[in-house]
Structures are given as structure tokens and as C-alpha cells.
Amino acid sequence: MKSVINIGTLLRVTEILISEEDEKVNVAISVSKDNEKSTMRFYNVSNFKMGYFTYPMVIDSMEIFDHKEDGWSKEQRFEIRDYEEGSLGFCCENYKL
């Protein structure tokens, strides 16, 4: 398993949008940190799980792992997870930060 990117720490989640396009689930997560806002987009999402959440929801630390070399299917190539608290996790085919 190869770590691709550490998305960041202490990200305040302002919105999670789950949508469907061409029978595939997509997720957009809007976050803010230090008064900077951004939206991360994940395409063809599977195994979406969200544990506890509070308001405001804060993700302590989030990473993306690339499982291509591990032989995972194309649809689950990337694994996204909050590795500190485990409050959010899923797999996806592609993403845009």
C-alpha cells in the first residue's frame, strides 16, 4: 500500500454532498482551514462509511492510498480515510483536490 497524499490535518467539514451520475456515486467534501475553503471531489465512490460526527465536524488527519500495485480493482483504486479518528472512509476510482 502506497500513501499518495496527506490531505491535511484539522479540516473543518462544511458540507458533504453525495450525488449520482451515470449510475456511479460521487462525493464532494467541502472543508475549511485557517479561513481557506476548498472542495475535494471523489468519483465512483464505494464502501462509503461515516462513523460518529459532531458539529462542527473536524477531520483530524486524512490520507489517500493508491492500491493499484496491490491489485485492487479500478473502481477501488484509491482509499480515502481519516487515519486518526476513523470518522470517514471510502474507496473511489478517481479524485480531484
N, C-alpha and C. Protein backbone atom coordinates (compact mmCIF):
# COMPACT_ATOMS: atom_id res chain seq x y z
N MET A 1 0.85 -1.17 0.00
CA MET A 1 0.00 0.00 0.00
C MET A 1 0.90 1.24 0.00
N LYS A 2 0.66 2.13 -0.92
CA LYS A 2 1.47 3.33 -1.08
C LYS A 2 0.65 4.56 -0.71
N SER A 3 1.17 5.36 0.21
CA SER A 3 0.49 6.60 0.57
C SER A 3 0.72 7.62 -0.53
N VAL A 4 -0.35 8.18 -1.07
CA VAL A 4 -0.25 9.13 -2.15
C VAL A 4 -0.12 10.54 -1.60
N ILE A 5 -1.00 10.89 -0.71
CA ILE A 5 -1.02 12.28 -0.24
C ILE A 5 -1.68 12.37 1.13
N ASN A 6 -1.14 13.25 1.94
CA ASN A 6 -1.79 13.59 3.19
C ASN A 6 -2.61 14.84 2.90
N ILE A 7 -3.92 14.70 2.95
CA ILE A 7 -4.80 15.80 2.57
C ILE A 7 -4.67 16.97 3.54
N GLY A 8 -4.45 16.68 4.79
CA GLY A 8 -4.31 17.76 5.76
C GLY A 8 -4.76 17.34 7.14
N THR A 9 -4.58 18.25 8.06
CA THR A 9 -4.97 17.99 9.44
C THR A 9 -5.93 19.07 9.91
N LEU A 10 -6.77 18.68 10.84
CA LEU A 10 -7.75 19.58 11.44
C LEU A 10 -8.56 20.34 10.39
N LEU A 11 -9.17 19.58 9.50
CA LEU A 11 -10.01 20.16 8.46
C LEU A 11 -11.45 20.24 8.97
N ARG A 12 -12.04 21.41 8.93
CA ARG A 12 -13.43 21.58 9.34
C ARG A 12 -14.32 21.30 8.14
N VAL A 13 -15.15 20.28 8.26
CA VAL A 13 -16.04 19.89 7.16
C VAL A 13 -17.26 20.80 7.18
N THR A 14 -17.49 21.49 6.08
CA THR A 14 -18.64 22.39 6.00
C THR A 14 -19.80 21.79 5.21
N GLU A 15 -19.50 20.80 4.35
CA GLU A 15 -20.55 20.16 3.58
C GLU A 15 -20.06 18.84 2.99
N ILE A 16 -20.92 17.84 3.01
CA ILE A 16 -20.68 16.58 2.31
C ILE A 16 -21.86 16.37 1.37
N LEU A 17 -21.56 16.31 0.08
CA LEU A 17 -22.61 16.16 -0.93
C LEU A 17 -22.40 14.83 -1.64
N ILE A 18 -23.43 13.99 -1.59
CA ILE A 18 -23.39 12.69 -2.27
C ILE A 18 -24.35 12.77 -3.45
N SER A 19 -23.83 12.46 -4.65
CA SER A 19 -24.67 12.55 -5.85
C SER A 19 -24.45 11.32 -6.72
N GLU A 20 -25.33 11.17 -7.70
CA GLU A 20 -25.25 10.03 -8.63
C GLU A 20 -25.19 10.57 -10.04
N GLU A 21 -24.29 9.99 -10.83
CA GLU A 21 -24.18 10.35 -12.23
C GLU A 21 -23.81 9.10 -13.02
N ASP A 22 -24.59 8.78 -14.02
CA ASP A 22 -24.36 7.58 -14.83
C ASP A 22 -24.24 6.33 -13.97
N GLU A 23 -25.12 6.23 -12.98
CA GLU A 23 -25.18 5.08 -12.06
C GLU A 23 -23.92 4.92 -11.23
N LYS A 24 -23.17 6.01 -11.02
CA LYS A 24 -21.98 5.99 -10.17
C LYS A 24 -22.16 7.05 -9.08
N VAL A 25 -21.71 6.73 -7.89
CA VAL A 25 -21.83 7.64 -6.76
C VAL A 25 -20.60 8.53 -6.69
N ASN A 26 -20.83 9.82 -6.55
CA ASN A 26 -19.75 10.79 -6.40
C ASN A 26 -19.93 11.52 -5.07
N VAL A 27 -18.83 11.92 -4.46
CA VAL A 27 -18.87 12.61 -3.18
C VAL A 27 -18.03 13.88 -3.29
N ALA A 28 -18.60 14.99 -2.83
CA ALA A 28 -17.86 16.25 -2.74
C ALA A 28 -17.81 16.64 -1.26
N ILE A 29 -16.61 16.89 -0.77
CA ILE A 29 -16.44 17.28 0.63
C ILE A 29 -15.83 18.67 0.65
N SER A 30 -16.59 19.62 1.18
CA SER A 30 -16.10 20.99 1.32
C SER A 30 -15.52 21.15 2.72
N VAL A 31 -14.32 21.72 2.78
CA VAL A 31 -13.62 21.89 4.05
C VAL A 31 -13.07 23.30 4.16
N SER A 32 -12.77 23.69 5.38
CA SER A 32 -12.08 24.95 5.59
C SER A 32 -11.00 24.76 6.63
N LYS A 33 -9.94 25.53 6.48
CA LYS A 33 -8.84 25.53 7.43
C LYS A 33 -8.16 26.88 7.34
N ASP A 34 -7.97 27.50 8.48
CA ASP A 34 -7.31 28.81 8.52
C ASP A 34 -7.97 29.80 7.55
N ASN A 35 -9.30 29.82 7.53
CA ASN A 35 -10.10 30.72 6.68
C ASN A 35 -9.94 30.47 5.18
N GLU A 36 -9.33 29.35 4.79
CA GLU A 36 -9.26 28.97 3.38
C GLU A 36 -10.24 27.83 3.15
N LYS A 37 -11.03 27.94 2.09
CA LYS A 37 -12.04 26.93 1.78
C LYS A 37 -11.67 26.19 0.51
N SER A 38 -11.99 24.91 0.47
CA SER A 38 -11.77 24.12 -0.74
C SER A 38 -12.76 22.97 -0.79
N THR A 39 -12.91 22.40 -1.96
CA THR A 39 -13.80 21.25 -2.14
C THR A 39 -13.01 20.12 -2.78
N MET A 40 -13.06 18.97 -2.14
CA MET A 40 -12.43 17.76 -2.67
C MET A 40 -13.52 16.93 -3.33
N ARG A 41 -13.25 16.41 -4.51
CA ARG A 41 -14.25 15.62 -5.25
C ARG A 41 -13.72 14.20 -5.47
N PHE A 42 -14.61 13.24 -5.24
CA PHE A 42 -14.26 11.82 -5.36
C PHE A 42 -15.28 11.16 -6.27
N TYR A 43 -14.81 10.37 -7.23
CA TYR A 43 -15.66 9.83 -8.28
C TYR A 43 -15.75 8.31 -8.20
N ASN A 44 -16.96 7.80 -8.48
CA ASN A 44 -17.26 6.37 -8.43
C ASN A 44 -16.89 5.80 -7.06
N VAL A 45 -17.53 6.36 -6.06
CA VAL A 45 -17.26 6.02 -4.66
C VAL A 45 -17.94 4.71 -4.27
N SER A 46 -17.23 3.91 -3.47
CA SER A 46 -17.81 2.68 -2.91
C SER A 46 -17.35 2.54 -1.46
N ASN A 47 -18.01 1.68 -0.75
CA ASN A 47 -17.69 1.38 0.65
C ASN A 47 -17.65 2.64 1.52
N PHE A 48 -18.55 3.58 1.24
CA PHE A 48 -18.59 4.82 2.00
C PHE A 48 -19.05 4.53 3.42
N LYS A 49 -18.27 5.00 4.38
CA LYS A 49 -18.69 4.84 5.77
C LYS A 49 -18.34 6.10 6.55
N MET A 50 -19.25 6.45 7.40
CA MET A 50 -19.06 7.61 8.24
C MET A 50 -19.40 7.19 9.66
N GLY A 51 -18.43 7.33 10.54
CA GLY A 51 -18.66 6.96 11.93
C GLY A 51 -19.38 8.08 12.64
N TYR A 52 -18.98 8.32 13.86
CA TYR A 52 -19.59 9.40 14.63
C TYR A 52 -19.34 10.73 13.93
N PHE A 53 -20.19 11.68 14.19
CA PHE A 53 -19.84 13.01 13.76
C PHE A 53 -20.44 14.02 14.71
N THR A 54 -19.78 15.12 14.84
CA THR A 54 -20.21 16.21 15.70
C THR A 54 -20.30 17.46 14.83
N TYR A 55 -20.86 18.49 15.38
CA TYR A 55 -20.86 19.75 14.65
C TYR A 55 -20.13 20.79 15.45
N PRO A 56 -19.15 21.45 14.91
CA PRO A 56 -18.67 21.24 13.55
C PRO A 56 -17.88 19.94 13.44
N MET A 57 -18.00 19.29 12.29
CA MET A 57 -17.25 18.06 12.06
C MET A 57 -15.82 18.43 11.69
N VAL A 58 -14.87 17.88 12.40
CA VAL A 58 -13.46 18.15 12.14
C VAL A 58 -12.76 16.82 11.86
N ILE A 59 -12.06 16.76 10.73
CA ILE A 59 -11.27 15.58 10.39
C ILE A 59 -9.86 15.85 10.87
N ASP A 60 -9.40 15.02 11.79
CA ASP A 60 -8.08 15.24 12.39
C ASP A 60 -6.96 15.13 11.35
N SER A 61 -7.00 14.10 10.54
CA SER A 61 -5.99 13.92 9.51
C SER A 61 -6.52 12.94 8.47
N MET A 62 -6.30 13.24 7.21
CA MET A 62 -6.87 12.45 6.13
C MET A 62 -5.78 12.09 5.13
N GLU A 63 -5.82 10.84 4.66
CA GLU A 63 -4.83 10.37 3.69
C GLU A 63 -5.52 9.66 2.54
N ILE A 64 -4.83 9.64 1.40
CA ILE A 64 -5.27 8.89 0.23
C ILE A 64 -4.20 7.84 -0.06
N PHE A 65 -4.65 6.60 -0.20
CA PHE A 65 -3.74 5.50 -0.53
C PHE A 65 -4.06 4.99 -1.93
N ASP A 66 -3.03 4.72 -2.71
CA ASP A 66 -3.18 4.19 -4.06
C ASP A 66 -2.91 2.69 -4.01
N HIS A 67 -3.93 1.89 -4.35
CA HIS A 67 -3.82 0.44 -4.27
C HIS A 67 -3.64 -0.22 -5.64
N LYS A 68 -3.25 0.54 -6.64
CA LYS A 68 -3.09 -0.02 -7.98
C LYS A 68 -2.10 -1.17 -7.99
N GLU A 69 -0.95 -0.97 -7.35
CA GLU A 69 0.08 -2.02 -7.33
C GLU A 69 -0.31 -3.22 -6.45
N ASP A 70 -1.31 -3.02 -5.60
CA ASP A 70 -1.79 -4.12 -4.75
C ASP A 70 -2.81 -4.99 -5.46
N GLY A 71 -3.17 -4.61 -6.70
CA GLY A 71 -4.11 -5.41 -7.47
C GLY A 71 -5.57 -5.12 -7.19
N TRP A 72 -5.88 -4.03 -6.49
CA TRP A 72 -7.28 -3.69 -6.22
C TRP A 72 -7.95 -3.32 -7.54
N SER A 73 -9.25 -3.48 -7.60
CA SER A 73 -9.99 -3.16 -8.83
C SER A 73 -9.90 -1.67 -9.14
N LYS A 74 -10.10 -1.34 -10.40
CA LYS A 74 -10.04 0.05 -10.87
C LYS A 74 -11.01 0.94 -10.08
N GLU A 75 -12.18 0.40 -9.77
CA GLU A 75 -13.21 1.16 -9.07
C GLU A 75 -12.83 1.46 -7.61
N GLN A 76 -11.90 0.70 -7.06
CA GLN A 76 -11.49 0.90 -5.67
C GLN A 76 -10.00 1.23 -5.57
N ARG A 77 -9.46 1.81 -6.61
CA ARG A 77 -8.02 2.07 -6.64
C ARG A 77 -7.55 2.94 -5.47
N PHE A 78 -8.31 3.98 -5.15
CA PHE A 78 -7.90 4.90 -4.09
C PHE A 78 -8.72 4.67 -2.82
N GLU A 79 -8.04 4.63 -1.71
CA GLU A 79 -8.70 4.51 -0.42
C GLU A 79 -8.48 5.82 0.34
N ILE A 80 -9.57 6.42 0.76
CA ILE A 80 -9.52 7.68 1.49
C ILE A 80 -9.96 7.39 2.91
N ARG A 81 -9.16 7.88 3.88
CA ARG A 81 -9.55 7.62 5.26
C ARG A 81 -8.98 8.66 6.21
N ASP A 82 -9.75 8.86 7.25
CA ASP A 82 -9.33 9.69 8.38
C ASP A 82 -8.58 8.73 9.30
N TYR A 83 -7.25 8.79 9.29
CA TYR A 83 -6.48 7.78 9.99
C TYR A 83 -6.35 8.02 11.49
N GLU A 84 -6.71 9.19 11.98
CA GLU A 84 -6.64 9.43 13.43
C GLU A 84 -7.88 8.91 14.13
N GLU A 85 -9.05 9.33 13.67
CA GLU A 85 -10.30 9.01 14.35
C GLU A 85 -11.13 7.95 13.64
N GLY A 86 -10.89 7.74 12.35
CA GLY A 86 -11.68 6.78 11.60
C GLY A 86 -13.11 7.23 11.38
N SER A 87 -13.35 8.54 11.40
CA SER A 87 -14.72 9.04 11.28
C SER A 87 -15.24 9.01 9.85
N LEU A 88 -14.34 8.88 8.87
CA LEU A 88 -14.76 8.89 7.48
C LEU A 88 -13.83 8.00 6.67
N GLY A 89 -14.39 7.22 5.75
CA GLY A 89 -13.57 6.37 4.91
C GLY A 89 -14.36 5.85 3.73
N PHE A 90 -13.66 5.67 2.60
CA PHE A 90 -14.30 5.12 1.41
C PHE A 90 -13.23 4.84 0.36
N CYS A 91 -13.66 4.19 -0.71
CA CYS A 91 -12.79 3.94 -1.87
C CYS A 91 -13.38 4.68 -3.06
N CYS A 92 -12.52 4.97 -4.03
CA CYS A 92 -13.01 5.63 -5.24
C CYS A 92 -12.10 5.32 -6.43
N GLU A 93 -12.63 5.58 -7.61
CA GLU A 93 -11.88 5.34 -8.84
C GLU A 93 -10.93 6.49 -9.16
N ASN A 94 -11.35 7.72 -8.81
CA ASN A 94 -10.55 8.89 -9.12
C ASN A 94 -10.94 10.02 -8.17
N TYR A 95 -10.09 11.03 -8.11
CA TYR A 95 -10.39 12.17 -7.23
C TYR A 95 -9.76 13.44 -7.78
N LYS A 96 -10.25 14.56 -7.26
CA LYS A 96 -9.70 15.88 -7.62
C LYS A 96 -9.68 16.71 -6.35
N LEU A 97 -8.50 17.22 -6.01
CA LEU A 97 -8.37 18.03 -4.80
C LEU A 97 -8.37 19.50 -5.15
